[in-house]
Amino acid sequence: MGFAAAFLLLLLLAAPAAHAVQNTVGDSAGWTTTGDHEGWVQGKTFTVGDTLLFNYSSSHAVDVVSKIDYDNCNSDNALSSHNDGNTVITLSNPGPMYFICPTIGHCASGMKLAVNVVAAGGNSPSTPFGSPTTPGTTPSGGSTQSPPSPRPSRAPSIMNSGFVLPVLGVILAVMS
């Protein structure tokens, strides 16, 4: 009985726990008209459960929009609108998501963001405007994209956490 309990405890401790990541849009610059939001998204992977934090002044807002409204900088049909200056949006579903600032002229000057959300366990980095390309193919821009690099693990390693030796000691004590 003691061995089974110790084994179960070991399994529970060894099971990795996935952690959602909060991404601050534009990093320290925030959600601004001067930010390079298309550049900011390059190489990042957004996973279901992650969040986007938009920090912005009172002259801005965040609208979640469709692809066509994103392409046309149209906020009339926004799926949701936020203007609190500190908006957190949870990425709930895989697929592309589109964000614009509805203030007149801001989207047209580059205050827009497209991210591709992957299912948990996915490892594909986001591509601009949510338009995936197959590794080794030529996207419409004419350059060849290299294969995506593996996504770093978000799970803490129990090997590096200082748990392993004490846990093994308890298991050996229970078994003897």
N, C-alpha and C. Protein backbone atom coordinates (compact mmCIF):
# COMPACT_ATOMS: atom_id res chain seq x y z
N MET A 1 0.83 -1.20 0.00
CA MET A 1 0.00 0.00 0.00
C MET A 1 0.87 1.26 0.00
N GLY A 2 1.94 1.26 0.82
CA GLY A 2 2.83 2.41 0.90
C GLY A 2 3.52 2.69 -0.41
N PHE A 3 3.91 1.60 -1.11
CA PHE A 3 4.57 1.77 -2.40
C PHE A 3 3.63 2.43 -3.40
N ALA A 4 2.37 2.01 -3.44
CA ALA A 4 1.39 2.59 -4.38
C ALA A 4 1.18 4.07 -4.09
N ALA A 5 1.09 4.43 -2.82
CA ALA A 5 0.91 5.83 -2.46
C ALA A 5 2.12 6.65 -2.86
N ALA A 6 3.31 6.12 -2.62
CA ALA A 6 4.54 6.83 -2.98
C ALA A 6 4.64 7.00 -4.50
N PHE A 7 4.28 5.95 -5.23
CA PHE A 7 4.32 6.01 -6.68
C PHE A 7 3.34 7.05 -7.21
N LEU A 8 2.13 7.09 -6.64
CA LEU A 8 1.13 8.07 -7.04
C LEU A 8 1.62 9.49 -6.75
N LEU A 9 2.23 9.69 -5.59
CA LEU A 9 2.78 10.99 -5.24
C LEU A 9 3.85 11.41 -6.24
N LEU A 10 4.72 10.49 -6.62
CA LEU A 10 5.75 10.79 -7.59
C LEU A 10 5.14 11.19 -8.93
N LEU A 11 4.12 10.47 -9.37
CA LEU A 11 3.47 10.81 -10.63
C LEU A 11 2.85 12.20 -10.58
N LEU A 12 2.21 12.53 -9.48
CA LEU A 12 1.59 13.85 -9.35
C LEU A 12 2.63 14.96 -9.38
N LEU A 13 3.75 14.74 -8.73
CA LEU A 13 4.80 15.76 -8.71
C LEU A 13 5.50 15.89 -10.05
N ALA A 14 5.60 14.80 -10.78
CA ALA A 14 6.30 14.82 -12.05
C ALA A 14 5.45 15.34 -13.20
N ALA A 15 4.14 15.38 -13.04
CA ALA A 15 3.26 15.84 -14.12
C ALA A 15 3.47 17.34 -14.33
N PRO A 16 3.86 17.75 -15.53
CA PRO A 16 4.08 19.18 -15.76
C PRO A 16 2.77 19.95 -15.79
N ALA A 17 2.81 21.14 -15.28
CA ALA A 17 1.65 22.02 -15.30
C ALA A 17 1.90 23.12 -16.32
N ALA A 18 0.99 23.28 -17.27
CA ALA A 18 1.13 24.32 -18.27
C ALA A 18 0.74 25.66 -17.65
N HIS A 19 1.49 26.68 -18.02
CA HIS A 19 1.22 28.01 -17.51
C HIS A 19 0.91 28.94 -18.67
N ALA A 20 -0.18 29.67 -18.54
CA ALA A 20 -0.51 30.67 -19.55
C ALA A 20 0.49 31.82 -19.44
N VAL A 21 0.75 32.45 -20.55
CA VAL A 21 1.68 33.56 -20.60
C VAL A 21 0.91 34.84 -20.87
N GLN A 22 1.26 35.90 -20.13
CA GLN A 22 0.69 37.21 -20.43
C GLN A 22 1.69 37.97 -21.27
N ASN A 23 1.28 38.36 -22.46
CA ASN A 23 2.12 39.10 -23.39
C ASN A 23 1.71 40.57 -23.36
N THR A 24 2.65 41.45 -23.04
CA THR A 24 2.36 42.88 -23.04
C THR A 24 2.57 43.40 -24.46
N VAL A 25 1.49 43.80 -25.10
CA VAL A 25 1.54 44.25 -26.50
C VAL A 25 2.46 45.48 -26.60
N GLY A 26 3.43 45.39 -27.48
CA GLY A 26 4.38 46.48 -27.67
C GLY A 26 5.44 46.56 -26.60
N ASP A 27 5.48 45.57 -25.72
CA ASP A 27 6.41 45.54 -24.59
C ASP A 27 6.32 46.85 -23.81
N SER A 28 7.44 47.49 -23.47
CA SER A 28 7.39 48.69 -22.62
C SER A 28 6.78 49.89 -23.33
N ALA A 29 6.80 49.91 -24.66
CA ALA A 29 6.21 51.03 -25.41
C ALA A 29 4.68 51.00 -25.33
N GLY A 30 4.11 49.81 -25.19
CA GLY A 30 2.66 49.69 -25.08
C GLY A 30 1.94 49.76 -26.42
N TRP A 31 0.65 49.98 -26.32
CA TRP A 31 -0.26 50.06 -27.48
C TRP A 31 -0.30 51.52 -27.89
N THR A 32 0.53 51.89 -28.88
CA THR A 32 0.67 53.29 -29.31
C THR A 32 0.69 53.38 -30.82
N THR A 33 0.55 54.60 -31.31
CA THR A 33 0.63 54.82 -32.76
C THR A 33 2.07 54.72 -33.26
N THR A 34 3.04 54.86 -32.37
CA THR A 34 4.44 54.82 -32.79
C THR A 34 5.05 53.43 -32.67
N GLY A 35 4.31 52.48 -32.11
CA GLY A 35 4.84 51.13 -31.92
C GLY A 35 4.85 50.33 -33.21
N ASP A 36 5.76 49.39 -33.28
CA ASP A 36 5.84 48.47 -34.42
C ASP A 36 5.14 47.18 -34.02
N HIS A 37 3.82 47.16 -34.11
CA HIS A 37 3.05 46.02 -33.64
C HIS A 37 3.22 44.80 -34.53
N GLU A 38 3.40 45.01 -35.82
CA GLU A 38 3.64 43.89 -36.72
C GLU A 38 5.00 43.26 -36.40
N GLY A 39 5.99 44.07 -36.13
CA GLY A 39 7.31 43.57 -35.75
C GLY A 39 7.29 42.90 -34.39
N TRP A 40 6.50 43.44 -33.46
CA TRP A 40 6.42 42.89 -32.11
C TRP A 40 5.93 41.45 -32.12
N VAL A 41 4.99 41.12 -32.98
CA VAL A 41 4.39 39.78 -33.00
C VAL A 41 5.32 38.74 -33.64
N GLN A 42 6.30 39.18 -34.44
CA GLN A 42 7.18 38.25 -35.15
C GLN A 42 7.93 37.33 -34.19
N GLY A 43 7.88 36.04 -34.47
CA GLY A 43 8.62 35.06 -33.69
C GLY A 43 7.94 34.66 -32.39
N LYS A 44 6.84 35.29 -32.05
CA LYS A 44 6.14 34.93 -30.81
C LYS A 44 5.11 33.85 -31.11
N THR A 45 4.88 33.01 -30.12
CA THR A 45 3.84 32.00 -30.23
C THR A 45 2.77 32.31 -29.20
N PHE A 46 1.54 32.38 -29.64
CA PHE A 46 0.40 32.66 -28.77
C PHE A 46 -0.44 31.39 -28.69
N THR A 47 -0.70 30.95 -27.48
CA THR A 47 -1.38 29.68 -27.24
C THR A 47 -2.71 29.94 -26.55
N VAL A 48 -3.70 29.10 -26.85
CA VAL A 48 -4.98 29.18 -26.16
C VAL A 48 -4.72 29.24 -24.65
N GLY A 49 -5.33 30.20 -23.99
CA GLY A 49 -5.13 30.39 -22.55
C GLY A 49 -4.19 31.54 -22.23
N ASP A 50 -3.31 31.90 -23.18
CA ASP A 50 -2.45 33.06 -22.99
C ASP A 50 -3.30 34.33 -22.99
N THR A 51 -2.73 35.43 -22.54
CA THR A 51 -3.44 36.70 -22.57
C THR A 51 -2.58 37.75 -23.25
N LEU A 52 -3.26 38.75 -23.80
CA LEU A 52 -2.61 39.94 -24.33
C LEU A 52 -2.97 41.09 -23.40
N LEU A 53 -1.96 41.82 -22.94
CA LEU A 53 -2.17 42.99 -22.10
C LEU A 53 -1.90 44.21 -22.96
N PHE A 54 -2.92 45.03 -23.15
CA PHE A 54 -2.80 46.27 -23.90
C PHE A 54 -2.72 47.41 -22.89
N ASN A 55 -1.60 48.14 -22.85
CA ASN A 55 -1.45 49.33 -22.01
C ASN A 55 -1.49 50.53 -22.94
N TYR A 56 -2.37 51.50 -22.65
CA TYR A 56 -2.52 52.64 -23.56
C TYR A 56 -3.11 53.84 -22.83
N SER A 57 -2.95 55.00 -23.46
CA SER A 57 -3.47 56.25 -22.89
C SER A 57 -4.94 56.43 -23.27
N SER A 58 -5.54 57.47 -22.72
CA SER A 58 -6.97 57.72 -22.93
C SER A 58 -7.31 58.12 -24.37
N SER A 59 -6.31 58.42 -25.19
CA SER A 59 -6.59 58.75 -26.59
C SER A 59 -6.69 57.50 -27.46
N HIS A 60 -6.52 56.33 -26.86
CA HIS A 60 -6.58 55.07 -27.60
C HIS A 60 -7.64 54.15 -27.01
N ALA A 61 -7.87 53.04 -27.69
CA ALA A 61 -8.77 51.98 -27.24
C ALA A 61 -8.34 50.72 -27.97
N VAL A 62 -9.01 49.62 -27.68
CA VAL A 62 -8.74 48.34 -28.35
C VAL A 62 -10.07 47.77 -28.80
N ASP A 63 -10.18 47.49 -30.08
CA ASP A 63 -11.34 46.79 -30.62
C ASP A 63 -10.88 45.45 -31.18
N VAL A 64 -11.62 44.40 -30.86
CA VAL A 64 -11.40 43.09 -31.47
C VAL A 64 -12.30 43.07 -32.70
N VAL A 65 -11.71 42.79 -33.85
CA VAL A 65 -12.47 42.88 -35.11
C VAL A 65 -12.24 41.65 -35.98
N SER A 66 -13.03 41.55 -37.04
CA SER A 66 -12.87 40.48 -38.03
C SER A 66 -11.70 40.82 -38.94
N LYS A 67 -11.28 39.86 -39.75
CA LYS A 67 -10.17 40.09 -40.69
C LYS A 67 -10.50 41.19 -41.67
N ILE A 68 -11.69 41.19 -42.22
CA ILE A 68 -12.05 42.22 -43.20
C ILE A 68 -12.06 43.61 -42.56
N ASP A 69 -12.55 43.71 -41.32
CA ASP A 69 -12.54 45.00 -40.63
C ASP A 69 -11.12 45.40 -40.24
N TYR A 70 -10.28 44.44 -39.93
CA TYR A 70 -8.87 44.70 -39.67
C TYR A 70 -8.21 45.26 -40.93
N ASP A 71 -8.43 44.58 -42.05
CA ASP A 71 -7.83 45.01 -43.31
C ASP A 71 -8.28 46.41 -43.71
N ASN A 72 -9.53 46.76 -43.39
CA ASN A 72 -10.09 48.06 -43.78
C ASN A 72 -10.09 49.08 -42.65
N CYS A 73 -9.47 48.74 -41.50
CA CYS A 73 -9.46 49.64 -40.33
C CYS A 73 -10.86 50.13 -39.99
N ASN A 74 -11.79 49.19 -39.95
CA ASN A 74 -13.19 49.52 -39.67
C ASN A 74 -13.57 49.01 -38.28
N SER A 75 -13.95 49.92 -37.40
CA SER A 75 -14.34 49.51 -36.05
C SER A 75 -15.86 49.50 -35.86
N ASP A 76 -16.61 49.76 -36.92
CA ASP A 76 -18.08 49.82 -36.81
C ASP A 76 -18.69 48.49 -36.37
N ASN A 77 -18.06 47.38 -36.72
CA ASN A 77 -18.62 46.06 -36.40
C ASN A 77 -17.77 45.32 -35.37
N ALA A 78 -17.16 46.04 -34.45
CA ALA A 78 -16.24 45.43 -33.48
C ALA A 78 -16.92 44.28 -32.74
N LEU A 79 -16.17 43.21 -32.56
CA LEU A 79 -16.66 42.06 -31.80
C LEU A 79 -16.67 42.38 -30.31
N SER A 80 -15.70 43.18 -29.87
CA SER A 80 -15.68 43.72 -28.51
C SER A 80 -14.83 44.98 -28.52
N SER A 81 -15.14 45.89 -27.61
CA SER A 81 -14.44 47.17 -27.51
C SER A 81 -14.00 47.39 -26.07
N HIS A 82 -12.81 47.96 -25.92
CA HIS A 82 -12.23 48.18 -24.59
C HIS A 82 -11.58 49.55 -24.56
N ASN A 83 -11.74 50.28 -23.46
CA ASN A 83 -11.14 51.60 -23.37
C ASN A 83 -10.66 51.93 -21.96
N ASP A 84 -10.28 50.92 -21.20
CA ASP A 84 -9.89 51.14 -19.81
C ASP A 84 -8.42 51.47 -19.62
N GLY A 85 -7.63 51.46 -20.69
CA GLY A 85 -6.21 51.80 -20.61
C GLY A 85 -5.32 50.65 -20.18
N ASN A 86 -5.92 49.57 -19.73
CA ASN A 86 -5.17 48.41 -19.24
C ASN A 86 -6.01 47.16 -19.52
N THR A 87 -6.13 46.83 -20.78
CA THR A 87 -7.04 45.76 -21.21
C THR A 87 -6.31 44.43 -21.31
N VAL A 88 -6.89 43.41 -20.69
CA VAL A 88 -6.36 42.05 -20.79
C VAL A 88 -7.37 41.23 -21.59
N ILE A 89 -6.90 40.64 -22.67
CA ILE A 89 -7.76 39.81 -23.52
C ILE A 89 -7.20 38.39 -23.50
N THR A 90 -8.05 37.45 -23.10
CA THR A 90 -7.66 36.04 -23.07
C THR A 90 -7.84 35.44 -24.45
N LEU A 91 -6.84 34.74 -24.90
CA LEU A 91 -6.90 34.07 -26.20
C LEU A 91 -7.56 32.72 -25.98
N SER A 92 -8.85 32.65 -26.29
CA SER A 92 -9.67 31.50 -25.92
C SER A 92 -9.76 30.41 -26.98
N ASN A 93 -9.52 30.75 -28.24
CA ASN A 93 -9.70 29.79 -29.32
C ASN A 93 -8.52 29.83 -30.28
N PRO A 94 -8.17 28.68 -30.87
CA PRO A 94 -7.11 28.71 -31.88
C PRO A 94 -7.58 29.44 -33.13
N GLY A 95 -6.62 30.02 -33.84
CA GLY A 95 -6.92 30.74 -35.07
C GLY A 95 -6.49 32.19 -34.97
N PRO A 96 -6.69 32.93 -36.05
CA PRO A 96 -6.26 34.33 -36.06
C PRO A 96 -7.19 35.22 -35.23
N MET A 97 -6.61 36.24 -34.63
CA MET A 97 -7.36 37.28 -33.91
C MET A 97 -6.82 38.62 -34.38
N TYR A 98 -7.72 39.61 -34.45
CA TYR A 98 -7.37 40.91 -35.01
C TYR A 98 -7.79 42.02 -34.06
N PHE A 99 -6.90 43.00 -33.87
CA PHE A 99 -7.12 44.11 -32.95
C PHE A 99 -6.77 45.41 -33.66
N ILE A 100 -7.57 46.44 -33.43
CA ILE A 100 -7.26 47.77 -33.97
C ILE A 100 -7.58 48.82 -32.91
N CYS A 101 -6.97 50.00 -33.09
CA CYS A 101 -7.37 51.15 -32.30
C CYS A 101 -8.44 51.87 -33.11
N PRO A 102 -9.63 52.10 -32.52
CA PRO A 102 -10.72 52.71 -33.27
C PRO A 102 -10.62 54.24 -33.40
N THR A 103 -9.66 54.87 -32.75
CA THR A 103 -9.50 56.32 -32.87
C THR A 103 -9.17 56.65 -34.32
N ILE A 104 -9.84 57.62 -34.87
CA ILE A 104 -9.69 57.97 -36.30
C ILE A 104 -8.22 58.19 -36.65
N GLY A 105 -7.78 57.47 -37.68
CA GLY A 105 -6.43 57.58 -38.20
C GLY A 105 -5.40 56.68 -37.53
N HIS A 106 -5.69 56.17 -36.34
CA HIS A 106 -4.68 55.37 -35.62
C HIS A 106 -4.43 54.02 -36.28
N CYS A 107 -5.47 53.32 -36.65
CA CYS A 107 -5.30 52.03 -37.31
C CYS A 107 -4.56 52.21 -38.63
N ALA A 108 -4.96 53.20 -39.39
CA ALA A 108 -4.33 53.45 -40.69
C ALA A 108 -2.85 53.79 -40.54
N SER A 109 -2.47 54.34 -39.39
CA SER A 109 -1.05 54.65 -39.18
C SER A 109 -0.29 53.49 -38.53
N GLY A 110 -0.93 52.32 -38.42
CA GLY A 110 -0.23 51.13 -37.96
C GLY A 110 -0.62 50.62 -36.58
N MET A 111 -1.62 51.23 -35.96
CA MET A 111 -2.02 50.77 -34.63
C MET A 111 -3.04 49.65 -34.78
N LYS A 112 -2.51 48.50 -35.20
CA LYS A 112 -3.31 47.31 -35.42
C LYS A 112 -2.43 46.10 -35.17
N LEU A 113 -3.06 45.01 -34.79
CA LEU A 113 -2.30 43.83 -34.42
C LEU A 113 -3.07 42.60 -34.87
N ALA A 114 -2.36 41.67 -35.51
CA ALA A 114 -2.93 40.37 -35.89
C ALA A 114 -2.08 39.30 -35.24
N VAL A 115 -2.71 38.37 -34.54
CA VAL A 115 -1.99 37.26 -33.93
C VAL A 115 -2.65 35.95 -34.35
N ASN A 116 -1.84 34.91 -34.43
CA ASN A 116 -2.36 33.58 -34.71
C ASN A 116 -2.25 32.78 -33.42
N VAL A 117 -3.37 32.29 -32.92
CA VAL A 117 -3.42 31.55 -31.67
C VAL A 117 -3.40 30.06 -31.99
N VAL A 118 -2.47 29.34 -31.36
CA VAL A 118 -2.38 27.90 -31.58
C VAL A 118 -2.99 27.16 -30.40
N ALA A 119 -3.44 25.95 -30.65
CA ALA A 119 -4.00 25.11 -29.59
C ALA A 119 -2.91 24.80 -28.58
N ALA A 120 -3.28 24.54 -27.36
CA ALA A 120 -2.31 24.19 -26.32
C ALA A 120 -1.47 23.03 -26.81
N GLY A 121 -0.17 23.12 -26.62
CA GLY A 121 0.74 22.08 -27.08
C GLY A 121 1.27 22.36 -28.48
N GLY A 122 0.75 23.39 -29.15
CA GLY A 122 1.24 23.75 -30.48
C GLY A 122 2.58 24.44 -30.37
N ASN A 123 3.31 24.50 -31.48
CA ASN A 123 4.61 25.15 -31.42
C ASN A 123 4.88 26.03 -32.63
N SER A 124 3.83 26.45 -33.33
CA SER A 124 4.03 27.28 -34.51
C SER A 124 4.09 28.74 -34.11
N PRO A 125 5.17 29.46 -34.50
CA PRO A 125 5.19 30.88 -34.20
C PRO A 125 4.16 31.61 -35.03
N SER A 126 3.69 32.73 -34.52
CA SER A 126 2.69 33.50 -35.24
C SER A 126 3.30 34.13 -36.48
N THR A 127 2.48 34.29 -37.49
CA THR A 127 2.91 34.95 -38.71
C THR A 127 2.09 36.21 -38.86
N PRO A 128 2.58 37.18 -39.60
CA PRO A 128 1.85 38.43 -39.71
C PRO A 128 0.45 38.21 -40.28
N PHE A 129 -0.49 38.89 -39.71
CA PHE A 129 -1.88 38.89 -40.16
C PHE A 129 -2.49 37.50 -40.13
N GLY A 130 -1.94 36.61 -39.33
CA GLY A 130 -2.51 35.29 -39.16
C GLY A 130 -2.46 34.45 -40.41
N SER A 131 -1.55 34.77 -41.37
CA SER A 131 -1.49 34.02 -42.61
C SER A 131 -0.38 32.99 -42.54
N PRO A 132 -0.72 31.74 -42.21
CA PRO A 132 0.32 30.74 -42.05
C PRO A 132 0.98 30.38 -43.38
N THR A 133 2.25 30.03 -43.31
CA THR A 133 2.94 29.51 -44.48
C THR A 133 3.52 28.17 -44.08
N THR A 134 3.70 27.32 -45.05
CA THR A 134 4.29 26.02 -44.79
C THR A 134 5.80 26.17 -44.85
N PRO A 135 6.53 25.63 -43.87
CA PRO A 135 7.99 25.74 -43.91
C PRO A 135 8.53 25.31 -45.25
N GLY A 136 9.46 26.11 -45.79
CA GLY A 136 10.08 25.79 -47.06
C GLY A 136 9.31 26.32 -48.26
N THR A 137 8.11 26.86 -48.07
CA THR A 137 7.37 27.43 -49.19
C THR A 137 7.66 28.91 -49.26
N THR A 138 7.30 29.51 -50.36
CA THR A 138 7.54 30.93 -50.53
C THR A 138 6.26 31.69 -50.27
N PRO A 139 6.22 32.53 -49.21
CA PRO A 139 5.04 33.34 -48.97
C PRO A 139 4.93 34.42 -50.03
N SER A 140 3.82 35.16 -50.01
CA SER A 140 3.56 36.16 -51.03
C SER A 140 4.65 37.22 -51.08
N GLY A 141 5.40 37.44 -50.00
CA GLY A 141 6.48 38.42 -49.98
C GLY A 141 7.70 37.97 -50.76
N GLY A 142 7.79 36.68 -51.11
CA GLY A 142 8.86 36.20 -51.95
C GLY A 142 10.04 35.57 -51.22
N SER A 143 10.10 35.63 -49.91
CA SER A 143 11.22 35.02 -49.20
C SER A 143 10.80 33.66 -48.65
N THR A 144 11.78 32.81 -48.44
CA THR A 144 11.49 31.48 -47.91
C THR A 144 11.57 31.53 -46.40
N GLN A 145 10.57 30.95 -45.75
CA GLN A 145 10.51 30.93 -44.30
C GLN A 145 11.13 29.64 -43.79
N SER A 146 11.98 29.74 -42.78
CA SER A 146 12.58 28.54 -42.23
C SER A 146 11.59 27.85 -41.30
N PRO A 147 11.80 26.57 -41.01
CA PRO A 147 10.88 25.85 -40.13
C PRO A 147 10.84 26.51 -38.76
N PRO A 148 9.67 26.45 -38.09
CA PRO A 148 9.57 27.08 -36.78
C PRO A 148 10.46 26.37 -35.76
N SER A 149 11.03 27.16 -34.86
CA SER A 149 11.82 26.56 -33.81
C SER A 149 10.90 26.06 -32.71
N PRO A 150 11.31 25.05 -31.97
CA PRO A 150 10.43 24.50 -30.94
C PRO A 150 10.10 25.56 -29.90
N ARG A 151 8.89 25.47 -29.41
CA ARG A 151 8.41 26.39 -28.39
C ARG A 151 9.04 26.01 -27.05
N PRO A 152 9.58 27.01 -26.34
CA PRO A 152 10.13 26.67 -25.03
C PRO A 152 9.03 26.15 -24.12
N SER A 153 9.37 25.21 -23.28
CA SER A 153 8.40 24.66 -22.35
C SER A 153 7.97 25.70 -21.35
N ARG A 154 6.68 25.74 -21.06
CA ARG A 154 6.16 26.64 -20.05
C ARG A 154 6.02 25.93 -18.71
N ALA A 155 6.30 24.65 -18.72
CA ALA A 155 6.14 23.86 -17.49
C ALA A 155 7.42 23.93 -16.68
N PRO A 156 7.29 24.11 -15.38
CA PRO A 156 8.49 24.11 -14.55
C PRO A 156 9.09 22.72 -14.50
N SER A 157 10.39 22.64 -14.50
CA SER A 157 11.05 21.35 -14.42
C SER A 157 11.20 20.95 -12.97
N ILE A 158 10.76 19.74 -12.63
CA ILE A 158 10.94 19.33 -11.24
C ILE A 158 12.39 19.00 -10.99
N MET A 159 13.15 18.75 -12.05
CA MET A 159 14.57 18.47 -11.89
C MET A 159 15.30 19.71 -11.40
N ASN A 160 14.83 20.90 -11.75
CA ASN A 160 15.50 22.13 -11.36
C ASN A 160 14.84 22.81 -10.17
N SER A 161 13.83 22.21 -9.61
CA SER A 161 13.06 22.89 -8.59
C SER A 161 13.47 22.57 -7.16
N GLY A 162 14.39 21.67 -6.96
CA GLY A 162 14.79 21.31 -5.61
C GLY A 162 13.87 20.28 -4.96
N PHE A 163 12.92 19.72 -5.74
CA PHE A 163 11.97 18.74 -5.22
C PHE A 163 12.50 17.32 -5.26
N VAL A 164 13.32 17.03 -6.24
CA VAL A 164 13.63 15.65 -6.57
C VAL A 164 14.24 14.89 -5.39
N LEU A 165 15.31 15.40 -4.82
CA LEU A 165 15.96 14.65 -3.74
C LEU A 165 15.06 14.47 -2.53
N PRO A 166 14.39 15.53 -2.03
CA PRO A 166 13.50 15.30 -0.89
C PRO A 166 12.38 14.31 -1.20
N VAL A 167 11.79 14.39 -2.39
CA VAL A 167 10.70 13.49 -2.76
C VAL A 167 11.21 12.06 -2.83
N LEU A 168 12.37 11.87 -3.46
CA LEU A 168 12.91 10.52 -3.54
C LEU A 168 13.23 9.98 -2.15
N GLY A 169 13.70 10.86 -1.26
CA GLY A 169 13.97 10.44 0.12
C GLY A 169 12.71 9.96 0.81
N VAL A 170 11.59 10.70 0.62
CA VAL A 170 10.32 10.31 1.23
C VAL A 170 9.84 8.99 0.64
N ILE A 171 9.96 8.84 -0.66
CA ILE A 171 9.51 7.59 -1.31
C ILE A 171 10.32 6.42 -0.79
N LEU A 172 11.63 6.57 -0.70
CA LEU A 172 12.46 5.46 -0.22
C LEU A 172 12.14 5.15 1.25
N ALA A 173 11.86 6.19 2.04
CA ALA A 173 11.52 5.96 3.45
C ALA A 173 10.19 5.20 3.57
N VAL A 174 9.22 5.55 2.72
CA VAL A 174 7.91 4.89 2.78
C VAL A 174 8.05 3.43 2.32
N MET A 175 8.89 3.21 1.33
CA MET A 175 9.05 1.86 0.78
C MET A 175 9.77 0.92 1.75
N SER A 176 10.61 1.44 2.63
CA SER A 176 11.39 0.56 3.50
C SER A 176 10.68 0.17 4.77
